[in-house]
N, C-alpha and C. Protein backbone atom coordinates (compact mmCIF):
# COMPACT_ATOMS: atom_id res chain seq x y z
N MET A 1 1.00 -1.06 -0.59
CA MET A 1 -0.04 0.30 0.34
C MET A 1 0.94 0.64 0.25
N SER A 2 0.43 2.31 -0.90
CA SER A 2 1.15 3.55 -0.98
C SER A 2 1.49 4.01 -0.10
N ALA A 3 1.83 5.21 0.71
CA ALA A 3 1.85 6.17 1.51
C ALA A 3 0.43 6.73 0.88
N VAL A 4 0.48 7.60 0.37
CA VAL A 4 -0.97 8.41 -0.10
C VAL A 4 -2.20 7.49 0.16
N SER A 5 -2.12 6.53 -0.06
CA SER A 5 -2.95 4.98 0.19
C SER A 5 -3.32 5.25 1.65
N LYS A 6 -2.23 4.55 2.38
CA LYS A 6 -2.17 4.61 3.84
C LYS A 6 -2.87 6.02 4.59
N ALA A 7 -2.34 7.16 4.11
CA ALA A 7 -3.25 9.01 4.99
C ALA A 7 -4.33 9.17 4.24
N MET A 8 -4.68 8.04 3.07
CA MET A 8 -6.39 8.68 3.33
C MET A 8 -6.53 7.60 3.34
N TYR A 9 -6.57 5.83 4.30
CA TYR A 9 -6.85 4.72 4.66
C TYR A 9 -7.01 5.35 6.77
N MET A 10 -6.30 5.91 7.12
CA MET A 10 -6.28 6.48 8.38
C MET A 10 -7.50 6.72 8.69
N PRO A 11 -7.79 7.74 7.84
CA PRO A 11 -8.87 8.30 8.76
C PRO A 11 -9.82 8.08 8.94
N LEU A 12 -10.65 7.63 7.81
CA LEU A 12 -11.28 6.49 7.02
C LEU A 12 -11.23 5.20 8.33
N GLN A 13 -10.23 4.80 8.58
CA GLN A 13 -10.71 4.03 9.81
C GLN A 13 -10.59 4.42 11.29
N ILE A 14 -9.71 5.13 11.14
CA ILE A 14 -10.47 5.53 12.89
C ILE A 14 -12.17 5.53 12.94
N ALA A 15 -12.92 7.16 11.26
CA ALA A 15 -13.90 7.53 11.90
C ALA A 15 -14.86 5.72 11.89
N THR A 16 -14.89 5.10 11.40
CA THR A 16 -15.01 2.78 10.82
C THR A 16 -15.87 3.01 12.22
N SER A 17 -13.84 2.87 13.36
CA SER A 17 -13.85 2.50 14.45
C SER A 17 -15.36 3.18 15.21
N VAL A 18 -15.38 4.38 15.62
CA VAL A 18 -15.69 4.54 16.70
C VAL A 18 -17.39 5.07 15.72
N ALA A 19 -18.00 4.83 14.75
CA ALA A 19 -19.56 4.52 14.56
C ALA A 19 -18.92 2.91 14.91
N GLY A 20 -18.35 2.40 14.63
CA GLY A 20 -18.98 0.56 14.85
C GLY A 20 -19.23 0.40 16.28
N GLY A 21 -17.99 1.29 17.19
CA GLY A 21 -18.12 1.33 18.67
C GLY A 21 -19.83 1.25 18.70
N LEU A 22 -20.11 2.79 18.30
CA LEU A 22 -21.15 4.10 18.74
C LEU A 22 -22.71 2.60 18.51
N LEU A 23 -22.21 2.06 17.13
CA LEU A 23 -23.31 0.72 16.69
C LEU A 23 -23.34 -0.20 17.63
N ALA A 24 -22.58 -0.75 17.88
CA ALA A 24 -22.43 -1.70 18.60
C ALA A 24 -23.36 -1.55 20.03
N GLY A 25 -23.14 -0.79 20.75
CA GLY A 25 -23.50 0.15 21.65
C GLY A 25 -24.74 0.13 21.74
N ARG A 26 -25.49 0.19 20.17
CA ARG A 26 -27.24 0.57 20.79
C ARG A 26 -27.66 -0.75 20.09
N ILE A 27 -27.39 -1.60 19.57
CA ILE A 27 -27.82 -2.59 18.81
C ILE A 27 -27.44 -3.98 20.12
N PHE A 28 -26.78 -3.87 21.40
CA PHE A 28 -26.68 -4.46 22.32
C PHE A 28 -27.67 -4.21 22.81
N THR A 29 -28.23 -2.71 23.23
CA THR A 29 -29.14 -2.72 24.74
C THR A 29 -30.48 -2.73 23.64
N GLU A 30 -30.76 -2.33 22.36
CA GLU A 30 -32.07 -2.69 21.79
C GLU A 30 -31.62 -4.03 22.37
N ILE A 31 -30.99 -5.02 21.61
CA ILE A 31 -31.09 -6.79 22.26
C ILE A 31 -31.48 -6.99 23.64
N TRP A 32 -30.50 -6.57 24.88
CA TRP A 32 -31.04 -6.87 26.29
C TRP A 32 -32.70 -6.01 26.81
N GLN A 33 -32.64 -4.72 25.92
CA GLN A 33 -34.59 -3.84 26.18
C GLN A 33 -35.48 -5.23 25.74
N ARG A 34 -35.11 -6.14 24.78
CA ARG A 34 -36.33 -6.80 23.76
C ARG A 34 -35.53 -8.48 25.05
N VAL A 35 -35.16 -8.30 25.55
CA VAL A 35 -35.21 -9.14 26.49
C VAL A 35 -34.96 -9.42 27.81
N ASN A 36 -34.94 -8.32 28.54
CA ASN A 36 -35.61 -7.90 29.58
C ASN A 36 -35.83 -6.13 29.67
N PRO A 37 -37.28 -6.13 29.28
CA PRO A 37 -37.41 -4.72 29.09
C PRO A 37 -37.61 -4.32 30.22
N ASP A 38 -37.91 -4.76 31.69
CA ASP A 38 -37.98 -4.20 32.45
C ASP A 38 -36.63 -3.44 32.83
N ASP A 39 -35.73 -4.03 32.80
CA ASP A 39 -34.30 -3.42 33.58
C ASP A 39 -33.11 -2.87 32.46
N GLU A 40 -32.81 -2.14 32.74
CA GLU A 40 -30.80 -1.97 31.96
C GLU A 40 -29.59 -3.14 31.99
N GLU A 41 -29.13 -3.55 31.11
CA GLU A 41 -27.91 -3.68 31.08
C GLU A 41 -27.46 -3.68 32.45
N PRO A 42 -26.96 -5.00 33.35
CA PRO A 42 -26.39 -4.69 34.17
C PRO A 42 -24.42 -4.83 33.67
N ASP A 43 -23.99 -3.98 34.90
CA ASP A 43 -23.68 -3.14 35.59
C ASP A 43 -22.25 -4.21 35.62
N PRO A 44 -21.10 -4.78 35.85
CA PRO A 44 -20.23 -5.86 36.22
C PRO A 44 -19.93 -4.92 37.68
N LYS A 45 -20.63 -3.83 37.70
CA LYS A 45 -19.45 -3.93 39.91
C LYS A 45 -21.15 -3.96 40.61
N ASP A 46 -21.99 -3.40 40.06
CA ASP A 46 -23.54 -4.22 40.48
C ASP A 46 -22.99 -5.59 41.30
N LEU A 47 -23.56 -5.70 42.93
CA LEU A 47 -22.77 -6.68 43.13
C LEU A 47 -24.41 -7.03 43.87
N SER A 48 -25.53 -6.67 43.10
CA SER A 48 -27.41 -7.25 43.74
C SER A 48 -27.33 -7.37 41.96
N ARG A 49 -26.93 -7.62 41.41
CA ARG A 49 -26.79 -8.06 39.80
C ARG A 49 -26.22 -9.85 39.69
N SER A 50 -26.36 -10.73 39.43
CA SER A 50 -25.40 -12.07 40.02
C SER A 50 -25.19 -11.83 38.46
N THR A 51 -23.93 -13.25 39.56
CA THR A 51 -22.68 -12.93 37.94
C THR A 51 -23.18 -13.76 36.49
N ARG A 52 -24.27 -14.89 36.64
CA ARG A 52 -24.25 -15.50 35.82
C ARG A 52 -25.24 -14.48 34.38
N GLU A 53 -25.99 -13.61 35.30
CA GLU A 53 -27.03 -12.51 33.82
C GLU A 53 -25.31 -11.63 34.50
N VAL A 54 -24.65 -10.95 34.49
CA VAL A 54 -23.33 -9.82 34.14
C VAL A 54 -22.86 -10.86 33.25
N PHE A 55 -22.17 -12.02 33.50
CA PHE A 55 -21.43 -13.20 32.23
C PHE A 55 -22.32 -12.89 30.60
N ILE A 56 -23.07 -13.42 31.28
CA ILE A 56 -23.86 -14.01 29.95
C ILE A 56 -24.34 -11.83 29.06
N ALA A 57 -24.78 -11.01 30.38
CA ALA A 57 -24.47 -9.40 29.04
C ALA A 57 -22.92 -9.08 28.25
N ALA A 58 -21.94 -9.95 28.97
CA ALA A 58 -20.65 -9.54 28.88
C ALA A 58 -20.14 -10.13 27.49
N ALA A 59 -20.69 -11.47 27.73
CA ALA A 59 -20.65 -12.29 26.36
C ALA A 59 -21.69 -12.38 25.09
N VAL A 60 -22.60 -11.43 25.58
CA VAL A 60 -23.41 -11.31 24.15
C VAL A 60 -22.78 -9.63 23.92
N GLN A 61 -22.56 -8.79 24.52
CA GLN A 61 -21.67 -7.43 24.23
C GLN A 61 -20.24 -7.68 23.52
N GLY A 62 -19.82 -9.32 23.74
CA GLY A 62 -18.97 -9.10 23.27
C GLY A 62 -19.27 -9.98 21.78
N VAL A 63 -19.98 -10.15 21.80
CA VAL A 63 -19.65 -11.11 19.88
C VAL A 63 -20.47 -10.42 19.65
N ILE A 64 -21.53 -9.40 19.70
CA ILE A 64 -22.05 -7.99 18.90
C ILE A 64 -20.95 -7.28 18.11
N VAL A 65 -20.10 -6.69 18.79
CA VAL A 65 -18.97 -5.59 19.41
C VAL A 65 -17.78 -6.58 17.81
N GLY A 66 -17.30 -8.22 17.88
CA GLY A 66 -16.64 -8.17 17.37
C GLY A 66 -17.25 -8.68 15.64
N LEU A 67 -18.71 -8.79 15.74
CA LEU A 67 -19.64 -9.14 14.26
C LEU A 67 -19.53 -7.54 13.69
N VAL A 68 -20.16 -6.83 14.72
CA VAL A 68 -20.13 -4.87 14.09
C VAL A 68 -18.76 -4.58 13.34
N ARG A 69 -17.44 -5.57 14.31
CA ARG A 69 -16.44 -4.77 14.08
C ARG A 69 -15.12 -5.41 12.35
N ALA A 70 -15.84 -6.93 12.16
CA ALA A 70 -16.14 -7.68 11.44
C ALA A 70 -16.84 -7.15 10.10
N VAL A 71 -18.02 -6.83 10.41
CA VAL A 71 -18.88 -6.80 9.06
C VAL A 71 -18.29 -5.25 8.17
N LEU A 72 -17.97 -4.13 9.05
CA LEU A 72 -17.11 -2.47 9.37
C LEU A 72 -16.06 -3.20 8.44
N ALA A 73 -15.71 -3.41 9.00
CA ALA A 73 -13.61 -4.05 8.67
C ALA A 73 -13.57 -3.89 7.23
N ARG A 74 -14.89 -5.31 7.18
CA ARG A 74 -14.16 -5.72 5.47
C ARG A 74 -15.28 -4.99 4.43
N GLY A 75 -15.98 -3.90 5.09
CA GLY A 75 -16.54 -3.14 4.43
C GLY A 75 -16.38 -1.97 3.61
N GLN A 76 -15.33 -1.60 4.93
CA GLN A 76 -14.24 -0.88 4.40
C GLN A 76 -13.20 -1.35 3.48
N ALA A 77 -12.49 -2.07 3.78
CA ALA A 77 -11.82 -2.83 2.71
C ALA A 77 -11.73 -3.08 1.29
N LYS A 78 -13.08 -3.90 1.21
CA LYS A 78 -13.81 -3.97 0.34
C LYS A 78 -14.14 -2.10 -0.77
N GLY A 79 -14.32 -2.08 -0.08
CA GLY A 79 -15.02 -0.53 -0.54
C GLY A 79 -13.78 0.39 -0.67
N PHE A 80 -12.25 0.76 -0.19
CA PHE A 80 -11.24 1.06 -0.67
C PHE A 80 -10.54 0.75 -1.28
N ALA A 81 -10.64 -1.12 -1.71
CA ALA A 81 -9.98 -1.70 -2.61
C ALA A 81 -10.79 -1.19 -3.79
N ALA A 82 -11.96 -1.28 -3.92
CA ALA A 82 -12.68 -0.97 -5.23
C ALA A 82 -12.39 0.48 -6.04
N LEU A 83 -12.36 1.63 -4.96
CA LEU A 83 -11.76 2.79 -4.87
C LEU A 83 -11.08 3.32 -5.86
N THR A 84 -10.10 2.20 -5.06
CA THR A 84 -8.17 2.61 -5.23
C THR A 84 -7.34 1.61 -6.06
N ASP A 85 -7.85 0.15 -6.12
CA ASP A 85 -7.11 -0.52 -6.85
C ASP A 85 -5.92 -1.25 -5.51
N GLU A 86 -5.89 -0.89 -4.79
CA GLU A 86 -4.94 -1.39 -4.24
C GLU A 86 -5.86 -2.70 -2.80
N ASP A 87 -4.77 -3.62 -2.75
CA ASP A 87 -4.63 -4.10 -1.33
C ASP A 87 -4.16 -3.90 -0.47
N LEU A 88 -5.58 -4.46 1.15
CA LEU A 88 -4.67 -4.02 2.32
C LEU A 88 -4.35 -4.31 2.80
N SER A 89 -3.16 -5.83 2.33
CA SER A 89 -2.52 -6.55 3.58
C SER A 89 -1.32 -6.57 2.99
């Protein structure tokens, strides 16, 4: 990848990362509200919540974050390659 391509790619990568984090957080909140509408997502420091509930919430959140990051990174790489005719690897 050329220096110009790297300079163009970095701001795109940062913006996509921030947007992905916000999107993943929103998706997790929506899912948690549908599973447990009377309650907000558990805070790991809240000792009144069960350990099982906290771990399940963390696992679901991790899966969502990983999936959103992969989808966005893949789309970003394909779009960038289509625009610049350069491979990111």
